[in-house]
Each structure stands twice: as structure tokens, then as C-alpha cells.
Amino acid sequence: MEITSLEGGITRIRLQGRLDAMGTDNIGVHFSAAAAMAPCRVVVDLCGVGFIASLGMRLLITSARNAKVKMGVMVLYGATDMVQDVLEQMAIDQIMPVVASEALALEQARAPD
């Protein structure tokens, strides 16, 4: 996991590997803390994620809801086809924006509430 502060108070979290039980356990605390940093405008790069299980989904959903409570937003982008299929089946786009590119994610994160 790589965390980068971008212009405009946006945090980019770049994930790698599998978001299965072990992968989620390895990043859970650090991911949640990074996603909760004020002003809670977070873009999450899923390009390097090859698999996502229910615990990974829970981590993303919980973090997105926490950002929303703080009047922020979390945007997912760059999912591989397999991960994108899972996100669509779980209707994640009803909870947080899911877009194709970093440019679109940054645009969503910068958009006024």
C-alpha cells in the first residue's frame, strides 16, 4: 500500500495484491487511518489488486461510509476486469463512486458536495 498526499487535500491510496483475509488484515488499520484523514477526500487506485474478497469489500465500504459521515468522499478507480465484476455485482457504485481512471477519480473527489 502506498499513500500519497495530492493537491487540494486529496489522499491517494494505491493498493497492490489480493484483498483477501490476509491482505486485508495486513493493510486494514493503515488503510482506515489514511482514508479518515481530514478533509476525507480519498482516491483509491485498484490497478494492482488482482482479487477482492468480502473482507476487502467490507474495508472499502466501511472507509467510504466513514468519509461520508465526515462530509468527504472516497472514489475507487482502475479496477481490473475481475475486481470490477465483483464491485458491480455488489453494487458498490451505490455507496461510493467507481470510475475508470485517476483523472476521473480526482475530478469526483474535487467535486463540491
Protein backbone atom coordinates (compact mmCIF):
# COMPACT_ATOMS: atom_id res chain seq x y z
CA MET A 1 0.00 0.00 0.00
CA GLU A 2 1.28 3.45 -0.95
CA ILE A 3 -0.24 6.63 0.47
CA THR A 4 0.34 9.97 -1.25
CA SER A 5 -0.96 13.44 -0.39
CA LEU A 6 -2.06 15.27 -3.53
CA GLU A 7 -3.02 18.88 -4.23
CA GLY A 8 -6.35 20.06 -2.91
CA GLY A 9 -6.25 17.94 0.24
CA ILE A 10 -6.78 14.68 -1.65
CA THR A 11 -5.17 11.46 -0.45
CA ARG A 12 -4.33 8.75 -2.98
CA ILE A 13 -4.10 5.20 -1.66
CA ARG A 14 -2.53 2.76 -4.10
CA LEU A 15 -3.30 -0.88 -3.31
CA GLN A 16 -1.40 -3.96 -4.51
CA GLY A 17 -2.03 -7.69 -4.34
CA ARG A 18 -5.03 -9.53 -3.01
CA LEU A 19 -7.70 -8.09 -0.74
CA ASP A 20 -8.46 -11.46 0.80
CA ALA A 21 -8.42 -12.17 4.55
CA MET A 22 -4.63 -11.96 4.85
CA GLY A 23 -4.21 -8.98 2.52
CA THR A 24 -6.99 -7.02 4.21
CA ASP A 25 -5.60 -7.83 7.65
CA ASN A 26 -2.17 -6.56 6.57
CA ILE A 27 -3.44 -3.14 5.45
CA GLY A 28 -6.69 -2.65 7.39
CA VAL A 29 -5.57 -0.31 10.16
CA HIS A 30 -3.28 1.80 7.94
CA PHE A 31 -5.87 2.00 5.15
CA SER A 32 -8.64 3.05 7.53
CA ALA A 33 -6.42 5.71 9.13
CA ALA A 34 -5.33 7.11 5.75
CA ALA A 35 -8.90 7.16 4.45
CA ALA A 36 -10.07 9.03 7.56
CA MET A 37 -7.55 11.88 7.31
CA ALA A 38 -9.23 15.26 7.04
CA PRO A 39 -10.60 16.51 4.73
CA CYS A 40 -11.55 12.90 3.80
CA ARG A 41 -11.17 13.26 0.05
CA VAL A 42 -9.66 9.93 -0.96
CA VAL A 43 -8.99 8.24 -4.29
CA VAL A 44 -8.15 4.53 -4.18
CA ASP A 45 -6.10 3.02 -7.00
CA LEU A 46 -7.14 -0.60 -7.54
CA CYS A 47 -4.94 -1.21 -10.63
CA GLY A 48 -2.67 -3.55 -8.68
CA VAL A 49 -5.46 -5.52 -6.98
CA GLY A 50 -5.99 -8.91 -8.60
CA PHE A 51 -8.60 -10.29 -6.22
CA ILE A 52 -11.07 -8.90 -3.70
CA ALA A 53 -12.97 -10.95 -1.12
CA SER A 54 -15.73 -10.00 1.30
CA LEU A 55 -13.32 -8.65 3.94
CA GLY A 56 -11.74 -6.37 1.35
CA MET A 57 -15.17 -5.16 0.29
CA ARG A 58 -16.06 -4.51 3.92
CA LEU A 59 -12.90 -2.44 4.41
CA LEU A 60 -13.72 -0.29 1.37
CA ILE A 61 -17.38 0.14 2.32
CA THR A 62 -16.64 1.00 5.96
CA SER A 63 -13.99 3.53 4.95
CA ALA A 64 -16.28 5.14 2.36
CA ARG A 65 -19.09 5.46 4.87
CA ASN A 66 -16.73 6.98 7.44
CA ALA A 67 -15.56 9.52 4.86
CA LYS A 68 -19.17 10.38 4.00
CA VAL A 69 -20.00 10.96 7.69
CA LYS A 70 -17.14 13.49 7.78
CA MET A 71 -18.58 15.19 4.68
CA GLY A 72 -15.90 13.65 2.48
CA VAL A 73 -15.76 11.18 -0.37
CA MET A 74 -13.86 8.06 -1.34
CA VAL A 75 -13.56 7.21 -5.04
CA LEU A 76 -12.33 3.88 -6.44
CA TYR A 77 -10.60 3.69 -9.79
CA GLY A 78 -8.59 1.45 -12.09
CA ALA A 79 -10.10 -1.89 -11.11
CA THR A 80 -9.08 -4.92 -13.16
CA ASP A 81 -11.86 -6.71 -15.03
CA MET A 82 -12.22 -9.38 -12.34
CA VAL A 83 -12.32 -6.86 -9.49
CA GLN A 84 -14.66 -4.59 -11.48
CA ASP A 85 -17.07 -7.53 -11.92
CA VAL A 86 -17.15 -8.08 -8.16
CA LEU A 87 -17.69 -4.36 -7.49
CA GLU A 88 -20.58 -4.32 -9.96
CA GLN A 89 -22.17 -7.48 -8.52
CA MET A 90 -22.04 -5.92 -5.05
CA ALA A 91 -23.43 -2.58 -6.37
CA ILE A 92 -20.56 -0.69 -4.75
CA ASP A 93 -21.28 2.28 -7.01
CA GLN A 94 -24.39 2.85 -4.87
CA ILE A 95 -22.10 3.52 -1.89
CA MET A 96 -19.12 5.27 -3.50
CA PRO A 97 -18.09 6.39 -6.97
CA VAL A 98 -16.25 3.82 -9.09
CA VAL A 99 -14.51 5.21 -12.19
CA ALA A 100 -12.03 4.01 -14.78
CA SER A 101 -9.13 6.45 -14.42
CA GLU A 102 -7.23 8.50 -11.88
CA ALA A 103 -8.22 11.71 -13.70
CA LEU A 104 -11.92 10.89 -13.30
CA ALA A 105 -11.38 9.89 -9.66
CA LEU A 106 -9.66 13.19 -8.91
CA GLU A 107 -12.47 15.08 -10.63
CA GLN A 108 -15.04 13.26 -8.46
CA ALA A 109 -13.00 13.87 -5.29
CA ARG A 110 -12.74 17.60 -6.07
CA ALA A 111 -16.44 17.99 -6.91
CA PRO A 112 -18.41 20.04 -4.40
CA ASP A 113 -20.70 18.01 -2.16
